[in-house]
Amino acid sequence: MDKNQETRKLKHDMKNHLRLIRTLIENNDIDQAKGLLDEIEDTMRGLDLEISSGNSITDAILNEKNKLAHNLGIKFEFSGILPRENFINPFDISTIFSNALDNAIEAAVKSNDSERFVKIFTHIQGKCLFILIENSVEKDIKITGKEIETTKQNKEHHGFGLKNINDSVEKYGGSLSIMCENKVFKLEILLNIKI
């Protein structure tokens, strides 16, 4: 939302910036015109949302996690679209996407440097939303039902992310399944949504 507001502010001032650039060029002050253009480009680059899903809450989460993944050397991809309005409670949107992507990034960063990835795919069919999140893993993970065997020391303090995702999914009569093979972990979510 902040980026959208900054974009509107920049757009509001753009006519004046363009007039100033034109005047600088007409007065042969090319260096100042270039400097102003560079400043505008830098400002616009900072405002770009690299990922646009159609939903502002999900966009905020996806772009934050994309930046984190990029900084860790993980290829991060999103394809699909989500309903513009909150298709489920915003708290549940955050619970599902934040936990799933945190888990995916944490696992991917431990995998082979050249093969680190997180991929998100969404698809809407009628009043159902399908979400698939895939990520690379160091080695195949043992899965029992909807439980993952944790490798962390304090086992009693871990594993809540997946449980919280499942709780949010079940609120909407949805389903969650997880699988891991060939060093690729997959989280599939099916949600009944309001459109």
N, C-alpha and C. Protein backbone atom coordinates (compact mmCIF):
# COMPACT_ATOMS: atom_id res chain seq x y z
N MET A 1 0.83 -1.19 0.00
CA MET A 1 0.00 0.00 0.00
C MET A 1 0.87 1.25 0.00
N ASP A 2 1.97 1.20 0.78
CA ASP A 2 2.89 2.34 0.79
C ASP A 2 3.49 2.57 -0.58
N LYS A 3 3.85 1.47 -1.26
CA LYS A 3 4.43 1.61 -2.59
C LYS A 3 3.41 2.17 -3.57
N ASN A 4 2.15 1.73 -3.45
CA ASN A 4 1.11 2.27 -4.32
C ASN A 4 0.94 3.76 -4.10
N GLN A 5 0.98 4.20 -2.84
CA GLN A 5 0.83 5.62 -2.55
C GLN A 5 2.02 6.41 -3.09
N GLU A 6 3.23 5.87 -2.92
CA GLU A 6 4.42 6.54 -3.45
C GLU A 6 4.37 6.63 -4.97
N THR A 7 3.84 5.59 -5.62
CA THR A 7 3.70 5.61 -7.07
C THR A 7 2.73 6.70 -7.51
N ARG A 8 1.61 6.83 -6.80
CA ARG A 8 0.65 7.89 -7.13
C ARG A 8 1.27 9.27 -6.93
N LYS A 9 2.06 9.43 -5.87
CA LYS A 9 2.72 10.72 -5.62
C LYS A 9 3.70 11.05 -6.74
N LEU A 10 4.49 10.04 -7.16
CA LEU A 10 5.44 10.27 -8.24
C LEU A 10 4.72 10.62 -9.54
N LYS A 11 3.63 9.89 -9.82
CA LYS A 11 2.85 10.15 -11.03
C LYS A 11 2.30 11.58 -11.01
N HIS A 12 1.87 12.03 -9.86
CA HIS A 12 1.33 13.39 -9.70
C HIS A 12 2.39 14.43 -10.08
N ASP A 13 3.63 14.20 -9.70
CA ASP A 13 4.71 15.17 -9.96
C ASP A 13 5.38 14.98 -11.32
N MET A 14 5.05 13.91 -12.02
CA MET A 14 5.78 13.57 -13.25
C MET A 14 5.71 14.66 -14.31
N LYS A 15 4.55 15.31 -14.49
CA LYS A 15 4.46 16.39 -15.49
C LYS A 15 5.48 17.48 -15.21
N ASN A 16 5.60 17.85 -13.94
CA ASN A 16 6.57 18.89 -13.58
C ASN A 16 8.00 18.42 -13.82
N HIS A 17 8.29 17.17 -13.50
CA HIS A 17 9.63 16.63 -13.74
C HIS A 17 9.95 16.65 -15.23
N LEU A 18 8.99 16.23 -16.05
CA LEU A 18 9.21 16.21 -17.51
C LEU A 18 9.41 17.62 -18.07
N ARG A 19 8.63 18.57 -17.58
CA ARG A 19 8.82 19.97 -18.02
C ARG A 19 10.22 20.46 -17.66
N LEU A 20 10.66 20.14 -16.44
CA LEU A 20 11.99 20.56 -16.01
C LEU A 20 13.07 19.92 -16.87
N ILE A 21 12.93 18.65 -17.19
CA ILE A 21 13.91 17.97 -18.04
C ILE A 21 13.94 18.61 -19.42
N ARG A 22 12.76 18.90 -19.98
CA ARG A 22 12.68 19.56 -21.29
C ARG A 22 13.40 20.91 -21.25
N THR A 23 13.16 21.70 -20.21
CA THR A 23 13.79 23.01 -20.07
C THR A 23 15.31 22.87 -19.95
N LEU A 24 15.76 21.89 -19.16
CA LEU A 24 17.19 21.67 -19.01
C LEU A 24 17.84 21.30 -20.35
N ILE A 25 17.17 20.47 -21.14
CA ILE A 25 17.69 20.08 -22.46
C ILE A 25 17.72 21.28 -23.40
N GLU A 26 16.62 22.06 -23.39
CA GLU A 26 16.57 23.26 -24.25
C GLU A 26 17.65 24.26 -23.88
N ASN A 27 18.03 24.31 -22.61
CA ASN A 27 19.09 25.22 -22.15
C ASN A 27 20.46 24.57 -22.22
N ASN A 28 20.52 23.41 -22.87
CA ASN A 28 21.76 22.67 -23.08
C ASN A 28 22.43 22.23 -21.77
N ASP A 29 21.64 22.06 -20.73
CA ASP A 29 22.17 21.59 -19.45
C ASP A 29 21.92 20.08 -19.35
N ILE A 30 22.62 19.37 -20.22
CA ILE A 30 22.41 17.93 -20.39
C ILE A 30 22.77 17.15 -19.12
N ASP A 31 23.84 17.54 -18.45
CA ASP A 31 24.26 16.82 -17.24
C ASP A 31 23.18 16.87 -16.15
N GLN A 32 22.57 18.02 -15.96
CA GLN A 32 21.50 18.13 -14.95
C GLN A 32 20.27 17.34 -15.37
N ALA A 33 19.96 17.35 -16.68
CA ALA A 33 18.82 16.57 -17.19
C ALA A 33 19.06 15.08 -16.94
N LYS A 34 20.29 14.61 -17.23
CA LYS A 34 20.64 13.21 -16.99
C LYS A 34 20.54 12.88 -15.51
N GLY A 35 21.01 13.79 -14.67
CA GLY A 35 20.96 13.57 -13.23
C GLY A 35 19.52 13.42 -12.74
N LEU A 36 18.62 14.26 -13.25
CA LEU A 36 17.22 14.19 -12.86
C LEU A 36 16.59 12.88 -13.36
N LEU A 37 16.92 12.49 -14.60
CA LEU A 37 16.42 11.22 -15.12
C LEU A 37 16.90 10.04 -14.27
N ASP A 38 18.18 10.07 -13.88
CA ASP A 38 18.72 9.00 -13.02
C ASP A 38 17.97 8.94 -11.70
N GLU A 39 17.68 10.10 -11.13
CA GLU A 39 16.96 10.15 -9.85
C GLU A 39 15.55 9.58 -9.98
N ILE A 40 14.88 9.92 -11.09
CA ILE A 40 13.53 9.40 -11.33
C ILE A 40 13.57 7.88 -11.51
N GLU A 41 14.55 7.39 -12.28
CA GLU A 41 14.69 5.94 -12.48
C GLU A 41 14.94 5.22 -11.17
N ASP A 42 15.81 5.77 -10.32
CA ASP A 42 16.10 5.16 -9.02
C ASP A 42 14.84 5.09 -8.16
N THR A 43 14.07 6.18 -8.17
CA THR A 43 12.83 6.23 -7.39
C THR A 43 11.84 5.19 -7.91
N MET A 44 11.70 5.10 -9.23
CA MET A 44 10.76 4.14 -9.81
C MET A 44 11.19 2.70 -9.55
N ARG A 45 12.50 2.45 -9.60
CA ARG A 45 13.01 1.10 -9.35
C ARG A 45 12.65 0.65 -7.94
N GLY A 46 12.70 1.58 -6.99
CA GLY A 46 12.37 1.26 -5.61
C GLY A 46 10.89 1.02 -5.40
N LEU A 47 10.07 1.50 -6.33
CA LEU A 47 8.62 1.36 -6.19
C LEU A 47 8.06 0.12 -6.87
N ASP A 48 8.85 -0.49 -7.71
CA ASP A 48 8.36 -1.65 -8.46
C ASP A 48 8.07 -2.82 -7.54
N LEU A 49 6.92 -3.42 -7.72
CA LEU A 49 6.62 -4.70 -7.10
C LEU A 49 7.04 -5.75 -8.10
N GLU A 50 7.99 -6.56 -7.74
CA GLU A 50 8.46 -7.56 -8.69
C GLU A 50 7.40 -8.62 -8.93
N ILE A 51 6.59 -8.89 -7.90
CA ILE A 51 5.55 -9.91 -8.02
C ILE A 51 4.20 -9.26 -7.80
N SER A 52 3.29 -9.53 -8.70
CA SER A 52 1.93 -9.00 -8.58
C SER A 52 0.95 -10.15 -8.75
N SER A 53 0.26 -10.47 -7.65
CA SER A 53 -0.68 -11.59 -7.66
C SER A 53 -2.12 -11.13 -7.87
N GLY A 54 -2.34 -9.81 -7.73
CA GLY A 54 -3.70 -9.29 -7.80
C GLY A 54 -4.30 -9.03 -6.44
N ASN A 55 -3.61 -9.44 -5.37
CA ASN A 55 -4.10 -9.25 -4.00
C ASN A 55 -3.02 -8.52 -3.20
N SER A 56 -3.35 -7.37 -2.62
CA SER A 56 -2.33 -6.53 -1.99
C SER A 56 -1.67 -7.19 -0.78
N ILE A 57 -2.42 -7.94 0.02
CA ILE A 57 -1.82 -8.59 1.19
C ILE A 57 -0.84 -9.66 0.74
N THR A 58 -1.25 -10.47 -0.20
CA THR A 58 -0.36 -11.53 -0.70
C THR A 58 0.84 -10.92 -1.41
N ASP A 59 0.63 -9.83 -2.15
CA ASP A 59 1.75 -9.16 -2.82
C ASP A 59 2.80 -8.71 -1.82
N ALA A 60 2.37 -8.15 -0.69
CA ALA A 60 3.31 -7.71 0.33
C ALA A 60 4.14 -8.88 0.84
N ILE A 61 3.49 -10.01 1.09
CA ILE A 61 4.19 -11.20 1.59
C ILE A 61 5.13 -11.75 0.51
N LEU A 62 4.62 -11.91 -0.70
CA LEU A 62 5.42 -12.49 -1.78
C LEU A 62 6.65 -11.63 -2.08
N ASN A 63 6.49 -10.32 -2.11
CA ASN A 63 7.62 -9.45 -2.43
C ASN A 63 8.65 -9.42 -1.31
N GLU A 64 8.20 -9.49 -0.07
CA GLU A 64 9.14 -9.56 1.06
C GLU A 64 9.94 -10.86 0.99
N LYS A 65 9.26 -11.98 0.77
CA LYS A 65 9.94 -13.28 0.72
C LYS A 65 10.81 -13.39 -0.53
N ASN A 66 10.40 -12.78 -1.64
CA ASN A 66 11.21 -12.76 -2.85
C ASN A 66 12.54 -12.07 -2.58
N LYS A 67 12.48 -10.94 -1.89
CA LYS A 67 13.70 -10.19 -1.57
C LYS A 67 14.61 -11.02 -0.67
N LEU A 68 14.04 -11.66 0.35
CA LEU A 68 14.80 -12.51 1.26
C LEU A 68 15.46 -13.66 0.50
N ALA A 69 14.68 -14.33 -0.34
CA ALA A 69 15.20 -15.47 -1.13
C ALA A 69 16.34 -15.01 -2.04
N HIS A 70 16.13 -13.90 -2.71
CA HIS A 70 17.15 -13.36 -3.62
C HIS A 70 18.46 -13.11 -2.86
N ASN A 71 18.36 -12.51 -1.67
CA ASN A 71 19.55 -12.23 -0.86
C ASN A 71 20.26 -13.51 -0.42
N LEU A 72 19.53 -14.62 -0.35
CA LEU A 72 20.12 -15.90 0.06
C LEU A 72 20.53 -16.76 -1.14
N GLY A 73 20.40 -16.21 -2.35
CA GLY A 73 20.79 -16.95 -3.55
C GLY A 73 19.80 -18.01 -3.97
N ILE A 74 18.53 -17.77 -3.66
CA ILE A 74 17.47 -18.72 -4.00
C ILE A 74 16.62 -18.14 -5.14
N LYS A 75 16.41 -18.93 -6.19
CA LYS A 75 15.55 -18.50 -7.29
C LYS A 75 14.10 -18.57 -6.79
N PHE A 76 13.36 -17.47 -6.94
CA PHE A 76 12.00 -17.36 -6.40
C PHE A 76 11.07 -17.03 -7.57
N GLU A 77 10.07 -17.87 -7.79
CA GLU A 77 9.14 -17.66 -8.91
C GLU A 77 7.70 -17.73 -8.43
N PHE A 78 6.87 -16.86 -9.01
CA PHE A 78 5.43 -16.90 -8.76
C PHE A 78 4.71 -16.88 -10.09
N SER A 79 3.71 -17.74 -10.23
CA SER A 79 2.84 -17.66 -11.40
C SER A 79 1.40 -17.90 -10.95
N GLY A 80 0.51 -17.23 -11.58
CA GLY A 80 -0.90 -17.36 -11.24
C GLY A 80 -1.50 -16.03 -10.85
N ILE A 81 -2.67 -16.10 -10.30
CA ILE A 81 -3.39 -14.90 -9.88
C ILE A 81 -4.26 -15.25 -8.68
N LEU A 82 -4.52 -14.24 -7.88
CA LEU A 82 -5.38 -14.41 -6.71
C LEU A 82 -6.50 -13.39 -6.79
N PRO A 83 -7.63 -13.66 -6.13
CA PRO A 83 -8.71 -12.67 -6.14
C PRO A 83 -8.24 -11.34 -5.54
N ARG A 84 -8.73 -10.23 -6.12
CA ARG A 84 -8.34 -8.90 -5.66
C ARG A 84 -8.74 -8.68 -4.21
N GLU A 85 -9.97 -8.97 -3.90
CA GLU A 85 -10.44 -8.80 -2.52
C GLU A 85 -9.91 -9.95 -1.67
N ASN A 86 -9.97 -9.76 -0.37
CA ASN A 86 -9.50 -10.81 0.52
C ASN A 86 -10.40 -12.04 0.38
N PHE A 87 -9.83 -13.07 -0.20
CA PHE A 87 -10.59 -14.29 -0.53
C PHE A 87 -10.83 -15.13 0.72
N ILE A 88 -10.00 -14.94 1.73
CA ILE A 88 -10.22 -15.49 3.06
C ILE A 88 -9.77 -14.41 4.04
N ASN A 89 -9.93 -14.64 5.32
CA ASN A 89 -9.51 -13.66 6.33
C ASN A 89 -8.03 -13.30 6.13
N PRO A 90 -7.68 -11.99 6.18
CA PRO A 90 -6.28 -11.58 6.00
C PRO A 90 -5.31 -12.27 6.96
N PHE A 91 -5.75 -12.54 8.18
CA PHE A 91 -4.91 -13.25 9.14
C PHE A 91 -4.55 -14.64 8.61
N ASP A 92 -5.51 -15.31 8.00
CA ASP A 92 -5.27 -16.64 7.45
C ASP A 92 -4.42 -16.58 6.19
N ILE A 93 -4.59 -15.54 5.38
CA ILE A 93 -3.72 -15.35 4.21
C ILE A 93 -2.27 -15.27 4.68
N SER A 94 -2.05 -14.45 5.70
CA SER A 94 -0.70 -14.30 6.25
C SER A 94 -0.18 -15.60 6.84
N THR A 95 -1.01 -16.29 7.60
CA THR A 95 -0.60 -17.56 8.22
C THR A 95 -0.18 -18.56 7.15
N ILE A 96 -0.98 -18.70 6.12
CA ILE A 96 -0.69 -19.69 5.07
C ILE A 96 0.56 -19.32 4.29
N PHE A 97 0.58 -18.13 3.70
CA PHE A 97 1.69 -17.78 2.82
C PHE A 97 2.99 -17.51 3.58
N SER A 98 2.92 -16.82 4.70
CA SER A 98 4.15 -16.51 5.44
C SER A 98 4.81 -17.77 5.97
N ASN A 99 4.05 -18.64 6.61
CA ASN A 99 4.63 -19.88 7.14
C ASN A 99 5.15 -20.78 6.04
N ALA A 100 4.36 -20.95 4.99
CA ALA A 100 4.77 -21.83 3.89
C ALA A 100 6.06 -21.33 3.23
N LEU A 101 6.13 -20.02 3.00
CA LEU A 101 7.31 -19.49 2.32
C LEU A 101 8.52 -19.43 3.24
N ASP A 102 8.31 -19.15 4.53
CA ASP A 102 9.44 -19.21 5.46
C ASP A 102 10.03 -20.61 5.50
N ASN A 103 9.16 -21.63 5.58
CA ASN A 103 9.63 -23.02 5.58
C ASN A 103 10.36 -23.36 4.29
N ALA A 104 9.79 -22.92 3.15
CA ALA A 104 10.38 -23.23 1.85
C ALA A 104 11.76 -22.60 1.71
N ILE A 105 11.89 -21.34 2.13
CA ILE A 105 13.18 -20.64 2.02
C ILE A 105 14.20 -21.28 2.96
N GLU A 106 13.77 -21.60 4.17
CA GLU A 106 14.68 -22.23 5.14
C GLU A 106 15.21 -23.56 4.62
N ALA A 107 14.38 -24.33 3.96
CA ALA A 107 14.82 -25.61 3.40
C ALA A 107 15.67 -25.40 2.15
N ALA A 108 15.26 -24.48 1.29
CA ALA A 108 15.98 -24.27 0.02
C ALA A 108 17.40 -23.77 0.25
N VAL A 109 17.59 -22.95 1.26
CA VAL A 109 18.92 -22.38 1.49
C VAL A 109 19.94 -23.47 1.86
N LYS A 110 19.46 -24.61 2.35
CA LYS A 110 20.34 -25.71 2.72
C LYS A 110 20.64 -26.64 1.54
N SER A 111 19.91 -26.46 0.43
CA SER A 111 20.10 -27.34 -0.73
C SER A 111 21.30 -26.88 -1.56
N ASN A 112 21.64 -27.65 -2.57
CA ASN A 112 22.77 -27.36 -3.45
C ASN A 112 22.68 -25.95 -4.00
N ASP A 113 23.77 -25.19 -3.91
CA ASP A 113 23.80 -23.78 -4.32
C ASP A 113 23.22 -23.53 -5.70
N SER A 114 23.55 -24.37 -6.66
CA SER A 114 23.13 -24.13 -8.05
C SER A 114 21.67 -24.50 -8.30
N GLU A 115 21.05 -25.18 -7.34
CA GLU A 115 19.68 -25.67 -7.56
C GLU A 115 18.67 -25.11 -6.56
N ARG A 116 19.01 -24.06 -5.84
CA ARG A 116 18.11 -23.51 -4.83
C ARG A 116 16.93 -22.82 -5.49
N PHE A 117 15.72 -23.22 -5.10
CA PHE A 117 14.54 -22.56 -5.68
C PHE A 117 13.34 -22.65 -4.76
N VAL A 118 12.44 -21.69 -4.96
CA VAL A 118 11.10 -21.71 -4.37
C VAL A 118 10.16 -21.30 -5.49
N LYS A 119 9.13 -22.11 -5.75
CA LYS A 119 8.16 -21.80 -6.81
C LYS A 119 6.76 -21.82 -6.22
N ILE A 120 5.97 -20.81 -6.57
CA ILE A 120 4.59 -20.73 -6.11
C ILE A 120 3.70 -20.65 -7.34
N PHE A 121 2.68 -21.49 -7.36
CA PHE A 121 1.70 -21.49 -8.45
C PHE A 121 0.31 -21.43 -7.84
N THR A 122 -0.54 -20.55 -8.36
CA THR A 122 -1.93 -20.48 -7.89
C THR A 122 -2.87 -20.59 -9.08
N HIS A 123 -4.03 -21.18 -8.81
CA HIS A 123 -5.03 -21.33 -9.88
C HIS A 123 -6.42 -21.27 -9.24
N ILE A 124 -7.31 -20.50 -9.86
CA ILE A 124 -8.69 -20.40 -9.37
C ILE A 124 -9.60 -21.16 -10.32
N GLN A 125 -10.41 -22.04 -9.76
CA GLN A 125 -11.40 -22.78 -10.54
C GLN A 125 -12.72 -22.66 -9.79
N GLY A 126 -13.64 -21.89 -10.33
CA GLY A 126 -14.91 -21.66 -9.66
C GLY A 126 -14.67 -20.98 -8.33
N LYS A 127 -15.11 -21.61 -7.24
CA LYS A 127 -14.89 -21.05 -5.90
C LYS A 127 -13.80 -21.78 -5.15
N CYS A 128 -12.90 -22.41 -5.90
CA CYS A 128 -11.77 -23.12 -5.30
C CYS A 128 -10.46 -22.46 -5.73
N LEU A 129 -9.56 -22.35 -4.77
CA LEU A 129 -8.22 -21.83 -5.03
C LEU A 129 -7.22 -22.94 -4.77
N PHE A 130 -6.39 -23.21 -5.75
CA PHE A 130 -5.33 -24.20 -5.63
C PHE A 130 -4.01 -23.45 -5.47
N ILE A 131 -3.24 -23.82 -4.47
CA ILE A 131 -1.92 -23.23 -4.22
C ILE A 131 -0.91 -24.36 -4.18
N LEU A 132 0.14 -24.24 -4.98
CA LEU A 132 1.23 -25.20 -4.98
C LEU A 132 2.51 -24.44 -4.68
N ILE A 133 3.22 -24.87 -3.64
CA ILE A 133 4.51 -24.29 -3.31
C ILE A 133 5.53 -25.42 -3.34
N GLU A 134 6.55 -25.24 -4.17
CA GLU A 134 7.62 -26.23 -4.31
C GLU A 134 8.94 -25.58 -3.92
N ASN A 135 9.80 -26.36 -3.31
CA ASN A 135 11.14 -25.85 -3.01
C ASN A 135 12.16 -26.98 -3.03
N SER A 136 13.39 -26.59 -3.30
CA SER A 136 14.48 -27.56 -3.27
C SER A 136 14.80 -27.90 -1.82
N VAL A 137 15.27 -29.11 -1.61
CA VAL A 137 15.71 -29.55 -0.29
C VAL A 137 17.05 -30.26 -0.42
N GLU A 138 17.79 -30.28 0.67
CA GLU A 138 19.11 -30.92 0.69
C GLU A 138 19.00 -32.41 0.42
N LYS A 139 18.00 -33.06 1.05
CA LYS A 139 17.74 -34.48 0.84
C LYS A 139 16.26 -34.71 1.07
N ASP A 140 15.75 -35.81 0.55
CA ASP A 140 14.32 -36.09 0.71
C ASP A 140 13.95 -36.13 2.19
N ILE A 141 12.78 -35.60 2.50
CA ILE A 141 12.30 -35.46 3.87
C ILE A 141 11.31 -36.57 4.17
N LYS A 142 11.41 -37.14 5.38
CA LYS A 142 10.48 -38.18 5.80
C LYS A 142 9.16 -37.52 6.22
N ILE A 143 8.07 -37.97 5.61
CA ILE A 143 6.74 -37.41 5.88
C ILE A 143 5.83 -38.53 6.36
N THR A 144 5.12 -38.26 7.45
CA THR A 144 4.13 -39.20 7.97
C THR A 144 2.81 -38.46 8.05
N GLY A 145 1.88 -38.78 7.14
CA GLY A 145 0.61 -38.06 7.08
C GLY A 145 0.83 -36.61 6.72
N LYS A 146 0.52 -35.71 7.67
CA LYS A 146 0.77 -34.28 7.46
C LYS A 146 1.88 -33.79 8.37
N GLU A 147 2.70 -34.72 8.83
CA GLU A 147 3.80 -34.39 9.76
C GLU A 147 5.14 -34.59 9.06
N ILE A 148 6.05 -33.67 9.34
CA ILE A 148 7.40 -33.75 8.83
C ILE A 148 8.32 -34.04 10.00
N GLU A 149 9.23 -34.96 9.80
CA GLU A 149 10.20 -35.25 10.85
C GLU A 149 11.21 -34.10 10.90
N THR A 150 11.23 -33.37 12.00
CA THR A 150 12.12 -32.22 12.12
C THR A 150 13.54 -32.67 12.42
N THR A 151 14.50 -31.92 11.90
CA THR A 151 15.91 -32.20 12.16
C THR A 151 16.45 -31.21 13.20
N LYS A 152 15.60 -30.34 13.70
CA LYS A 152 16.03 -29.32 14.66
C LYS A 152 16.18 -29.92 16.05
N GLN A 153 17.02 -29.28 16.86
CA GLN A 153 17.32 -29.78 18.20
C GLN A 153 16.11 -29.80 19.12
N ASN A 154 15.46 -28.67 19.30
CA ASN A 154 14.32 -28.55 20.22
C ASN A 154 13.04 -28.92 19.48
N LYS A 155 12.80 -30.19 19.31
CA LYS A 155 11.67 -30.67 18.50
C LYS A 155 10.32 -30.14 19.01
N GLU A 156 10.19 -29.96 20.33
CA GLU A 156 8.91 -29.50 20.88
C GLU A 156 8.62 -28.04 20.55
N HIS A 157 9.63 -27.29 20.11
CA HIS A 157 9.44 -25.88 19.78
C HIS A 157 9.31 -25.64 18.27
N HIS A 158 9.25 -26.70 17.49
CA HIS A 158 9.21 -26.54 16.03
C HIS A 158 8.04 -27.32 15.44
N GLY A 159 7.72 -27.01 14.18
CA GLY A 159 6.63 -27.71 13.50
C GLY A 159 5.30 -26.99 13.58
N PHE A 160 5.28 -25.83 14.24
CA PHE A 160 4.02 -25.10 14.39
C PHE A 160 3.56 -24.45 13.10
N GLY A 161 4.51 -24.06 12.23
CA GLY A 161 4.14 -23.39 10.99
C GLY A 161 3.19 -24.22 10.15
N LEU A 162 3.54 -25.47 9.93
CA LEU A 162 2.71 -26.37 9.13
C LEU A 162 1.37 -26.64 9.81
N LYS A 163 1.40 -26.79 11.13
CA LYS A 163 0.15 -26.99 11.87
C LYS A 163 -0.76 -25.77 11.76
N ASN A 164 -0.16 -24.58 11.85
CA ASN A 164 -0.95 -23.35 11.71
C ASN A 164 -1.54 -23.21 10.31
N ILE A 165 -0.74 -23.58 9.30
CA ILE A 165 -1.25 -23.55 7.92
C ILE A 165 -2.45 -24.48 7.81
N ASN A 166 -2.30 -25.69 8.32
CA ASN A 166 -3.38 -26.68 8.24
C ASN A 166 -4.63 -26.18 8.97
N ASP A 167 -4.47 -25.57 10.13
CA ASP A 167 -5.62 -25.02 10.87
C ASP A 167 -6.35 -23.96 10.04
N SER A 168 -5.58 -23.07 9.40
CA SER A 168 -6.19 -22.03 8.57
C SER A 168 -6.90 -22.63 7.37
N VAL A 169 -6.29 -23.62 6.74
CA VAL A 169 -6.88 -24.28 5.57
C VAL A 169 -8.19 -24.98 5.95
N GLU A 170 -8.19 -25.66 7.09
CA GLU A 170 -9.39 -26.37 7.53
C GLU A 170 -10.56 -25.45 7.86
N LYS A 171 -10.28 -24.21 8.25
CA LYS A 171 -11.34 -23.24 8.53
C LYS A 171 -12.24 -23.04 7.31
N TYR A 172 -11.66 -23.21 6.13
CA TYR A 172 -12.39 -22.95 4.89
C TYR A 172 -12.76 -24.25 4.16
N GLY A 173 -12.80 -25.33 4.91
CA GLY A 173 -13.16 -26.61 4.31
C GLY A 173 -12.17 -27.06 3.27
N GLY A 174 -10.93 -26.62 3.42
CA GLY A 174 -9.91 -26.95 2.44
C GLY A 174 -9.11 -28.18 2.82
N SER A 175 -8.12 -28.46 2.01
CA SER A 175 -7.25 -29.61 2.28
C SER A 175 -5.81 -29.23 2.02
N LEU A 176 -4.93 -29.94 2.69
CA LEU A 176 -3.49 -29.71 2.57
C LEU A 176 -2.81 -31.05 2.40
N SER A 177 -1.87 -31.12 1.50
CA SER A 177 -1.08 -32.34 1.36
C SER A 177 0.38 -31.95 1.13
N ILE A 178 1.27 -32.78 1.63
CA ILE A 178 2.70 -32.55 1.46
C ILE A 178 3.35 -33.81 0.93
N MET A 179 4.39 -33.63 0.14
CA MET A 179 5.15 -34.76 -0.39
C MET A 179 6.57 -34.30 -0.69
N CYS A 180 7.46 -35.22 -0.75
CA CYS A 180 8.85 -34.90 -1.07
C CYS A 180 9.46 -36.06 -1.83
N GLU A 181 9.98 -35.75 -3.01
CA GLU A 181 10.70 -36.75 -3.80
C GLU A 181 11.67 -36.07 -4.73
N ASN A 182 12.75 -36.74 -5.00
CA ASN A 182 13.81 -36.22 -5.88
C ASN A 182 14.30 -34.84 -5.44
N LYS A 183 14.40 -34.65 -4.12
CA LYS A 183 14.90 -33.41 -3.51
C LYS A 183 14.02 -32.20 -3.83
N VAL A 184 12.73 -32.46 -4.04
CA VAL A 184 11.75 -31.38 -4.22
C VAL A 184 10.61 -31.61 -3.22
N PHE A 185 10.40 -30.61 -2.38
CA PHE A 185 9.31 -30.65 -1.41
C PHE A 185 8.12 -29.92 -2.01
N LYS A 186 6.91 -30.50 -1.88
CA LYS A 186 5.70 -29.89 -2.45
C LYS A 186 4.64 -29.75 -1.36
N LEU A 187 4.07 -28.56 -1.29
CA LEU A 187 2.95 -28.29 -0.40
C LEU A 187 1.78 -27.91 -1.31
N GLU A 188 0.71 -28.69 -1.26
CA GLU A 188 -0.48 -28.43 -2.07
C GLU A 188 -1.63 -28.06 -1.15
N ILE A 189 -2.28 -26.95 -1.48
CA ILE A 189 -3.40 -26.46 -0.68
C ILE A 189 -4.59 -26.24 -1.59
N LEU A 190 -5.74 -26.70 -1.17
CA LEU A 190 -6.99 -26.43 -1.88
C LEU A 190 -7.90 -25.73 -0.90
N LEU A 191 -8.39 -24.52 -1.29
CA LEU A 191 -9.24 -23.72 -0.42
C LEU A 191 -10.56 -23.42 -1.07
N ASN A 192 -11.62 -23.42 -0.29
CA ASN A 192 -12.89 -22.88 -0.74
C ASN A 192 -12.86 -21.39 -0.41
N ILE A 193 -13.07 -20.55 -1.43
CA ILE A 193 -12.91 -19.12 -1.23
C ILE A 193 -14.19 -18.37 -1.53
N LYS A 194 -14.27 -17.15 -1.00
CA LYS A 194 -15.38 -16.27 -1.33
C LYS A 194 -14.92 -15.36 -2.46
N ILE A 195 -15.73 -15.28 -3.50
CA ILE A 195 -15.36 -14.46 -4.65
C ILE A 195 -16.36 -13.32 -4.78
